[in-house]
């Protein structure tokens, strides 16, 4: 199965938290990408998951030529 490399921007505006950052994820599809990010996030920002879904759909996404395990490759969050 083809996996994709996602670079997802995610920002939750002030006054909630000013939480934001970039998630770099390998996933089979948008739904798996969402599941991986929210599992790592542990529901702390679930009010903004709708926005996260939109950001995943807009994220630069690249098909990988080789097989990789799904997972978060890197994250930078504040």
C-alpha atoms as a PDB file:
ATOM      1  CA  UNK A   1       0.000   0.000   0.000  1.00  0.00           C
ATOM      2  CA  UNK A   2       1.253   3.468  -0.870  1.00  0.00           C
ATOM      3  CA  UNK A   3       2.146   5.712   2.044  1.00  0.00           C
ATOM      4  CA  UNK A   4       2.268   9.479   1.973  1.00  0.00           C
ATOM      5  CA  UNK A   5       4.492  12.071   3.600  1.00  0.00           C
ATOM      6  CA  UNK A   6       2.423  14.911   5.114  1.00  0.00           C
ATOM      7  CA  UNK A   7       3.632  18.287   6.385  1.00  0.00           C
ATOM      8  CA  UNK A   8       0.710  19.609   8.450  1.00  0.00           C
ATOM      9  CA  UNK A   9       0.453  23.103   9.913  1.00  0.00           C
ATOM     10  CA  UNK A  10      -1.660  23.267  13.040  1.00  0.00           C
ATOM     11  CA  UNK A  11      -2.397  26.347  15.106  1.00  0.00           C
ATOM     12  CA  UNK A  12      -4.874  26.991  17.903  1.00  0.00           C
ATOM     13  CA  UNK A  13      -5.281  30.730  18.405  1.00  0.00           C
ATOM     14  CA  UNK A  14      -5.127  32.797  21.576  1.00  0.00           C
ATOM     15  CA  UNK A  15      -6.805  32.843  24.099  1.00  0.00           C
ATOM     16  CA  UNK A  16      -7.159  29.053  24.122  1.00  0.00           C
ATOM     17  CA  UNK A  17      -3.489  28.272  24.037  1.00  0.00           C
ATOM     18  CA  UNK A  18      -1.519  29.772  21.157  1.00  0.00           C
ATOM     19  CA  UNK A  19      -0.634  26.146  20.539  1.00  0.00           C
ATOM     20  CA  UNK A  20       0.757  25.516  17.140  1.00  0.00           C
ATOM     21  CA  UNK A  21       3.391  23.937  15.060  1.00  0.00           C
ATOM     22  CA  UNK A  22       4.158  21.563  12.241  1.00  0.00           C
ATOM     23  CA  UNK A  23       3.605  17.808  12.162  1.00  0.00           C
ATOM     24  CA  UNK A  24       5.540  15.642   9.696  1.00  0.00           C
ATOM     25  CA  UNK A  25       3.712  12.347   9.331  1.00  0.00           C
ATOM     26  CA  UNK A  26       3.876   9.180   7.244  1.00  0.00           C
ATOM     27  CA  UNK A  27       0.373   7.788   6.737  1.00  0.00           C
ATOM     28  CA  UNK A  28      -1.744   5.798   4.282  1.00  0.00           C
ATOM     29  CA  UNK A  29      -4.396   8.522   4.008  1.00  0.00           C
ATOM     30  CA  UNK A  30      -5.799  11.679   5.590  1.00  0.00           C
ATOM     31  CA  UNK A  31      -7.747   9.735   8.220  1.00  0.00           C
ATOM     32  CA  UNK A  32      -4.711   7.815   9.436  1.00  0.00           C
ATOM     33  CA  UNK A  33      -2.732  11.080   9.530  1.00  0.00           C
ATOM     34  CA  UNK A  34      -5.464  12.629  11.689  1.00  0.00           C
ATOM     35  CA  UNK A  35      -5.538   9.585  14.004  1.00  0.00           C
ATOM     36  CA  UNK A  36      -1.772   9.642  14.489  1.00  0.00           C
ATOM     37  CA  UNK A  37      -1.702  13.351  15.346  1.00  0.00           C
ATOM     38  CA  UNK A  38      -4.669  13.216  17.716  1.00  0.00           C
ATOM     39  CA  UNK A  39      -3.272  10.151  19.494  1.00  0.00           C
ATOM     40  CA  UNK A  40      -0.044  12.057  20.135  1.00  0.00           C
ATOM     41  CA  UNK A  41      -1.985  15.188  21.144  1.00  0.00           C
ATOM     42  CA  UNK A  42      -4.016  13.152  23.710  1.00  0.00           C
ATOM     43  CA  UNK A  43      -7.214  15.180  23.205  1.00  0.00           C
ATOM     44  CA  UNK A  44      -5.760  18.352  24.701  1.00  0.00           C
ATOM     45  CA  UNK A  45      -7.033  20.446  21.808  1.00  0.00           C
ATOM     46  CA  UNK A  46     -10.034  18.476  20.584  1.00  0.00           C
ATOM     47  CA  UNK A  47     -12.135  21.639  20.096  1.00  0.00           C
ATOM     48  CA  UNK A  48      -9.923  22.386  17.088  1.00  0.00           C
ATOM     49  CA  UNK A  49      -9.914  18.951  15.466  1.00  0.00           C
ATOM     50  CA  UNK A  50     -12.190  20.253  12.687  1.00  0.00           C
ATOM     51  CA  UNK A  51      -9.515  22.773  11.767  1.00  0.00           C
ATOM     52  CA  UNK A  52      -6.876  20.037  11.974  1.00  0.00           C
ATOM     53  CA  UNK A  53      -8.801  17.944   9.443  1.00  0.00           C
ATOM     54  CA  UNK A  54      -8.901  20.935   7.076  1.00  0.00           C
ATOM     55  CA  UNK A  55      -5.165  21.485   7.530  1.00  0.00           C
ATOM     56  CA  UNK A  56      -4.449  17.831   6.746  1.00  0.00           C
ATOM     57  CA  UNK A  57      -6.457  18.076   3.525  1.00  0.00           C
ATOM     58  CA  UNK A  58      -4.519  21.241   2.553  1.00  0.00           C
ATOM     59  CA  UNK A  59      -1.111  19.900   3.619  1.00  0.00           C
ATOM     60  CA  UNK A  60       1.650  19.297   1.096  1.00  0.00           C
ATOM     61  CA  UNK A  61       1.513  15.539   0.561  1.00  0.00           C
ATOM     62  CA  UNK A  62       4.018  13.366  -1.279  1.00  0.00           C
ATOM     63  CA  UNK A  63       3.751   9.718  -2.290  1.00  0.00           C
ATOM     64  CA  UNK A  64       6.656   7.687  -0.936  1.00  0.00           C
ATOM     65  CA  UNK A  65       8.583   5.430  -3.298  1.00  0.00           C
ATOM     66  CA  UNK A  66       9.549   2.977  -0.553  1.00  0.00           C
ATOM     67  CA  UNK A  67       7.623   1.251   2.225  1.00  0.00           C
ATOM     68  CA  UNK A  68       7.704   3.000   5.595  1.00  0.00           C
ATOM     69  CA  UNK A  69       5.845   2.388   8.826  1.00  0.00           C
ATOM     70  CA  UNK A  70       3.077   4.863   9.586  1.00  0.00           C
ATOM     71  CA  UNK A  71       3.867   7.335  12.309  1.00  0.00           C
ATOM     72  CA  UNK A  72       4.918  10.817  13.250  1.00  0.00           C
ATOM     73  CA  UNK A  73       8.338  11.520  11.797  1.00  0.00           C
ATOM     74  CA  UNK A  74       8.895  14.882  13.429  1.00  0.00           C
ATOM     75  CA  UNK A  75       6.949  17.550  15.212  1.00  0.00           C
ATOM     76  CA  UNK A  76       7.614  21.089  16.276  1.00  0.00           C
ATOM     77  CA  UNK A  77       4.940  22.453  18.547  1.00  0.00           C
ATOM     78  CA  UNK A  78       4.739  25.257  21.058  1.00  0.00           C
END
